[in-house]
Amino acid sequence: MRLNEKSQNGKNQKIGLIQHGGFMLMTALFVVVVLAAMVMAMLNLSLSQTASYGMRLQSTRATLAAQSGLEWGLFQGKNGRCMESSHFVLKESDLTGFDVEVTCSLSRFVEGDDVIELLQIESIAQLGRDPWSGEQSRSDSVFGAEENSGTSSDYVYRKLSQIIEL
């Protein structure tokens, strides 16, 4: 039967592409929605991988900043100059902006005829605003961060300690 042919009951009926046009539209719409969902999922995955890479990098930088504080405290302690608490902000290097606090304590123990001196060094490195207390790190004021800028999603904190015998 062709378009506009008379059927057995004598009425004109339209058949062919005109009756099935809605089916193709729904199929095309379904394919577009599925492709859009796949693109959004890939974009989300890409963004989360980029963010996790950035946080791993900042975490490594924080560990290195805390390690530099330990080394500085060790040098000061071996030369008898390690103060109870020291603070500095790293300004030149890949560790720029890290707030490092170093504490030293010297303990003496008598063991028989020997006097043993132990130097305990603790180094804390941080960058950004503490999300729990909301306190701004000292490095933020050095580098011009606003006082009321809220918490930072890029906050990193590392604490290392070491005990050595002098």
C-alpha atoms as a PDB file:
ATOM      1  CA  MET A   1       0.000   0.000   0.000  1.00  0.00           C
ATOM      2  CA  ARG A   2       1.333   3.471  -0.821  1.00  0.00           C
ATOM      3  CA  LEU A   3       0.719   6.837   0.748  1.00  0.00           C
ATOM      4  CA  ASN A   4      -2.828   8.025   0.280  1.00  0.00           C
ATOM      5  CA  GLU A   5      -4.049   4.735  -1.195  1.00  0.00           C
ATOM      6  CA  LYS A   6      -7.524   3.656  -0.379  1.00  0.00           C
ATOM      7  CA  SER A   7      -7.770   0.836   2.056  1.00  0.00           C
ATOM      8  CA  GLN A   8     -10.361  -1.908   2.070  1.00  0.00           C
ATOM      9  CA  ASN A   9     -12.843   0.238   3.947  1.00  0.00           C
ATOM     10  CA  GLY A  10     -12.492   3.022   1.380  1.00  0.00           C
ATOM     11  CA  LYS A  11     -10.761   5.656   3.520  1.00  0.00           C
ATOM     12  CA  ASN A  12      -7.459   7.279   2.720  1.00  0.00           C
ATOM     13  CA  GLN A  13      -4.716   6.284   5.160  1.00  0.00           C
ATOM     14  CA  LYS A  14      -1.286   7.805   5.501  1.00  0.00           C
ATOM     15  CA  ILE A  15       1.407   5.312   6.222  1.00  0.00           C
ATOM     16  CA  GLY A  16       5.193   5.220   5.921  1.00  0.00           C
ATOM     17  CA  LEU A  17       7.668   7.722   7.371  1.00  0.00           C
ATOM     18  CA  ILE A  18       5.043  10.069   8.714  1.00  0.00           C
ATOM     19  CA  GLN A  19       3.765   7.560  11.267  1.00  0.00           C
ATOM     20  CA  HIS A  20       7.258   6.561  12.552  1.00  0.00           C
ATOM     21  CA  GLY A  21       8.830  10.052  12.841  1.00  0.00           C
ATOM     22  CA  GLY A  22       8.315  10.292  16.627  1.00  0.00           C
ATOM     23  CA  PHE A  23      10.169   7.068  17.230  1.00  0.00           C
ATOM     24  CA  MET A  24      13.367   8.436  15.644  1.00  0.00           C
ATOM     25  CA  LEU A  25      13.094  11.657  17.662  1.00  0.00           C
ATOM     26  CA  MET A  26      12.922   9.715  20.931  1.00  0.00           C
ATOM     27  CA  THR A  27      15.887   7.558  19.914  1.00  0.00           C
ATOM     28  CA  ALA A  28      17.961  10.613  19.010  1.00  0.00           C
ATOM     29  CA  LEU A  29      17.016  12.323  22.278  1.00  0.00           C
ATOM     30  CA  PHE A  30      17.986   9.212  24.253  1.00  0.00           C
ATOM     31  CA  VAL A  31      21.393   9.047  22.519  1.00  0.00           C
ATOM     32  CA  VAL A  32      22.034  12.756  23.188  1.00  0.00           C
ATOM     33  CA  VAL A  33      21.139  12.391  26.885  1.00  0.00           C
ATOM     34  CA  VAL A  34      23.347   9.311  27.297  1.00  0.00           C
ATOM     35  CA  LEU A  35      26.286  11.039  25.560  1.00  0.00           C
ATOM     36  CA  ALA A  36      25.828  14.162  27.710  1.00  0.00           C
ATOM     37  CA  ALA A  37      25.829  12.011  30.864  1.00  0.00           C
ATOM     38  CA  MET A  38      29.021  10.276  29.746  1.00  0.00           C
ATOM     39  CA  VAL A  39      30.721  13.620  29.041  1.00  0.00           C
ATOM     40  CA  MET A  40      29.694  14.940  32.477  1.00  0.00           C
ATOM     41  CA  ALA A  41      31.000  11.786  34.183  1.00  0.00           C
ATOM     42  CA  MET A  42      34.342  12.074  32.376  1.00  0.00           C
ATOM     43  CA  LEU A  43      34.588  15.777  33.241  1.00  0.00           C
ATOM     44  CA  ASN A  44      33.839  15.037  36.910  1.00  0.00           C
ATOM     45  CA  LEU A  45      36.476  12.303  36.968  1.00  0.00           C
ATOM     46  CA  SER A  46      39.036  14.580  35.359  1.00  0.00           C
ATOM     47  CA  LEU A  47      38.376  17.409  37.828  1.00  0.00           C
ATOM     48  CA  SER A  48      38.585  15.118  40.856  1.00  0.00           C
ATOM     49  CA  GLN A  49      41.877  13.643  39.624  1.00  0.00           C
ATOM     50  CA  THR A  50      43.299  17.126  39.134  1.00  0.00           C
ATOM     51  CA  ALA A  51      42.221  18.170  42.633  1.00  0.00           C
ATOM     52  CA  SER A  52      43.664  15.039  44.251  1.00  0.00           C
ATOM     53  CA  TYR A  53      46.957  15.555  42.399  1.00  0.00           C
ATOM     54  CA  GLY A  54      47.097  19.133  43.693  1.00  0.00           C
ATOM     55  CA  MET A  55      46.460  18.016  47.266  1.00  0.00           C
ATOM     56  CA  ARG A  56      49.135  15.299  47.016  1.00  0.00           C
ATOM     57  CA  LEU A  57      51.572  17.924  45.781  1.00  0.00           C
ATOM     58  CA  GLN A  58      50.688  20.302  48.633  1.00  0.00           C
ATOM     59  CA  SER A  59      50.984  17.440  51.126  1.00  0.00           C
ATOM     60  CA  THR A  60      54.476  16.622  49.880  1.00  0.00           C
ATOM     61  CA  ARG A  61      55.436  20.290  50.044  1.00  0.00           C
ATOM     62  CA  ALA A  62      54.161  20.478  53.647  1.00  0.00           C
ATOM     63  CA  THR A  63      56.239  17.440  54.611  1.00  0.00           C
ATOM     64  CA  LEU A  64      59.324  19.009  53.039  1.00  0.00           C
ATOM     65  CA  ALA A  65      58.670  22.311  54.845  1.00  0.00           C
ATOM     66  CA  ALA A  66      58.356  20.469  58.180  1.00  0.00           C
ATOM     67  CA  GLN A  67      61.541  18.525  57.378  1.00  0.00           C
ATOM     68  CA  SER A  68      63.379  21.797  56.724  1.00  0.00           C
ATOM     69  CA  GLY A  69      62.201  23.006  60.143  1.00  0.00           C
ATOM     70  CA  LEU A  70      63.600  19.829  61.744  1.00  0.00           C
ATOM     71  CA  GLU A  71      66.932  20.313  60.005  1.00  0.00           C
ATOM     72  CA  TRP A  72      67.070  23.956  61.060  1.00  0.00           C
ATOM     73  CA  GLY A  73      66.279  22.975  64.674  1.00  0.00           C
ATOM     74  CA  LEU A  74      68.911  20.226  64.592  1.00  0.00           C
ATOM     75  CA  PHE A  75      71.542  22.659  63.362  1.00  0.00           C
ATOM     76  CA  GLN A  76      70.572  25.199  66.029  1.00  0.00           C
ATOM     77  CA  GLY A  77      70.481  22.526  68.761  1.00  0.00           C
ATOM     78  CA  LYS A  78      73.913  21.113  67.945  1.00  0.00           C
ATOM     79  CA  ASN A  79      75.328  24.624  68.182  1.00  0.00           C
ATOM     80  CA  GLY A  80      73.531  25.292  71.485  1.00  0.00           C
ATOM     81  CA  ARG A  81      71.285  27.991  69.994  1.00  0.00           C
ATOM     82  CA  CYS A  82      67.939  26.249  69.670  1.00  0.00           C
ATOM     83  CA  MET A  83      65.322  28.409  71.365  1.00  0.00           C
ATOM     84  CA  GLU A  84      62.289  26.890  73.023  1.00  0.00           C
ATOM     85  CA  SER A  85      60.080  28.069  70.150  1.00  0.00           C
ATOM     86  CA  SER A  86      60.966  29.598  66.804  1.00  0.00           C
ATOM     87  CA  HIS A  87      58.774  30.627  63.940  1.00  0.00           C
ATOM     88  CA  PHE A  88      59.494  31.497  60.338  1.00  0.00           C
ATOM     89  CA  VAL A  89      57.697  31.776  57.024  1.00  0.00           C
ATOM     90  CA  LEU A  90      59.396  30.309  53.988  1.00  0.00           C
ATOM     91  CA  LYS A  91      59.643  32.999  51.309  1.00  0.00           C
ATOM     92  CA  GLU A  92      62.015  31.780  48.633  1.00  0.00           C
ATOM     93  CA  SER A  93      61.722  28.344  47.025  1.00  0.00           C
ATOM     94  CA  ASP A  94      59.035  25.910  46.011  1.00  0.00           C
ATOM     95  CA  LEU A  95      57.932  26.001  49.655  1.00  0.00           C
ATOM     96  CA  THR A  96      57.001  29.698  49.555  1.00  0.00           C
ATOM     97  CA  GLY A  97      54.219  30.606  51.944  1.00  0.00           C
ATOM     98  CA  PHE A  98      54.567  27.759  54.419  1.00  0.00           C
ATOM     99  CA  ASP A  99      54.358  28.758  58.053  1.00  0.00           C
ATOM    100  CA  VAL A 100      56.921  26.690  60.022  1.00  0.00           C
ATOM    101  CA  GLU A 101      57.076  26.555  63.809  1.00  0.00           C
ATOM    102  CA  VAL A 102      59.982  24.758  65.495  1.00  0.00           C
ATOM    103  CA  THR A 103      60.118  23.895  69.186  1.00  0.00           C
ATOM    104  CA  CYS A 104      63.163  22.521  70.959  1.00  0.00           C
ATOM    105  CA  SER A 105      63.515  21.033  74.400  1.00  0.00           C
ATOM    106  CA  LEU A 106      66.672  19.738  76.024  1.00  0.00           C
ATOM    107  CA  SER A 107      66.473  16.990  78.639  1.00  0.00           C
ATOM    108  CA  ARG A 108      69.330  15.726  80.800  1.00  0.00           C
ATOM    109  CA  PHE A 109      69.403  12.292  82.408  1.00  0.00           C
ATOM    110  CA  VAL A 110      72.001  10.808  84.708  1.00  0.00           C
ATOM    111  CA  GLU A 111      72.757   7.181  84.078  1.00  0.00           C
ATOM    112  CA  GLY A 112      75.496   5.952  86.380  1.00  0.00           C
ATOM    113  CA  ASP A 113      78.470   8.256  85.838  1.00  0.00           C
ATOM    114  CA  ASP A 114      77.206   9.452  82.450  1.00  0.00           C
ATOM    115  CA  VAL A 115      75.042  12.475  81.760  1.00  0.00           C
ATOM    116  CA  ILE A 116      72.868  11.952  78.710  1.00  0.00           C
ATOM    117  CA  GLU A 117      71.450  14.961  76.891  1.00  0.00           C
ATOM    118  CA  LEU A 118      68.473  14.465  74.611  1.00  0.00           C
ATOM    119  CA  LEU A 119      67.291  17.151  72.243  1.00  0.00           C
ATOM    120  CA  GLN A 120      63.670  16.878  71.141  1.00  0.00           C
ATOM    121  CA  ILE A 121      62.772  18.913  68.074  1.00  0.00           C
ATOM    122  CA  GLU A 122      59.231  19.317  66.790  1.00  0.00           C
ATOM    123  CA  SER A 123      58.417  21.038  63.518  1.00  0.00           C
ATOM    124  CA  ILE A 124      54.943  22.049  62.338  1.00  0.00           C
ATOM    125  CA  ALA A 125      54.413  23.283  58.779  1.00  0.00           C
ATOM    126  CA  GLN A 126      51.099  24.613  57.526  1.00  0.00           C
ATOM    127  CA  LEU A 127      49.683  26.571  54.633  1.00  0.00           C
ATOM    128  CA  GLY A 128      46.228  28.139  54.401  1.00  0.00           C
ATOM    129  CA  ARG A 129      43.442  28.662  56.899  1.00  0.00           C
ATOM    130  CA  ASP A 130      42.758  25.892  59.421  1.00  0.00           C
ATOM    131  CA  PRO A 131      39.297  24.516  58.553  1.00  0.00           C
ATOM    132  CA  TRP A 132      38.613  23.349  62.122  1.00  0.00           C
ATOM    133  CA  SER A 133      39.551  26.403  64.128  1.00  0.00           C
ATOM    134  CA  GLY A 134      39.259  28.985  61.341  1.00  0.00           C
ATOM    135  CA  GLU A 135      42.573  30.479  62.406  1.00  0.00           C
ATOM    136  CA  GLN A 136      44.658  32.092  59.746  1.00  0.00           C
ATOM    137  CA  SER A 137      48.230  30.864  59.405  1.00  0.00           C
ATOM    138  CA  ARG A 138      50.881  33.526  59.879  1.00  0.00           C
ATOM    139  CA  SER A 139      51.966  33.104  56.278  1.00  0.00           C
ATOM    140  CA  ASP A 140      48.553  34.390  55.108  1.00  0.00           C
ATOM    141  CA  SER A 141      49.189  37.778  56.685  1.00  0.00           C
ATOM    142  CA  VAL A 142      52.682  37.905  55.169  1.00  0.00           C
ATOM    143  CA  PHE A 143      51.356  37.163  51.680  1.00  0.00           C
ATOM    144  CA  GLY A 144      48.249  39.358  51.899  1.00  0.00           C
ATOM    145  CA  ALA A 145      45.346  36.961  52.514  1.00  0.00           C
ATOM    146  CA  GLU A 146      42.227  38.630  53.869  1.00  0.00           C
ATOM    147  CA  GLU A 147      41.318  38.099  57.516  1.00  0.00           C
ATOM    148  CA  ASN A 148      37.717  37.049  56.825  1.00  0.00           C
ATOM    149  CA  SER A 149      38.185  34.945  53.728  1.00  0.00           C
ATOM    150  CA  GLY A 150      36.731  31.758  55.296  1.00  0.00           C
ATOM    151  CA  THR A 151      38.342  28.357  55.419  1.00  0.00           C
ATOM    152  CA  SER A 152      40.635  27.099  52.718  1.00  0.00           C
ATOM    153  CA  SER A 153      40.046  23.856  50.878  1.00  0.00           C
ATOM    154  CA  ASP A 154      43.784  23.759  50.246  1.00  0.00           C
ATOM    155  CA  TYR A 155      44.824  23.728  53.906  1.00  0.00           C
ATOM    156  CA  VAL A 156      47.771  21.432  54.604  1.00  0.00           C
ATOM    157  CA  TYR A 157      49.432  20.643  57.920  1.00  0.00           C
ATOM    158  CA  ARG A 158      52.353  18.377  58.788  1.00  0.00           C
ATOM    159  CA  LYS A 159      53.961  17.754  62.163  1.00  0.00           C
ATOM    160  CA  LEU A 160      57.306  15.977  62.455  1.00  0.00           C
ATOM    161  CA  SER A 161      59.382  15.358  65.554  1.00  0.00           C
ATOM    162  CA  GLN A 162      62.782  13.918  66.244  1.00  0.00           C
ATOM    163  CA  ILE A 163      64.775  13.068  69.357  1.00  0.00           C
ATOM    164  CA  ILE A 164      68.560  12.962  69.186  1.00  0.00           C
ATOM    165  CA  GLU A 165      71.291  12.399  71.717  1.00  0.00           C
ATOM    166  CA  LEU A 166      73.870  15.163  71.929  1.00  0.00           C
END
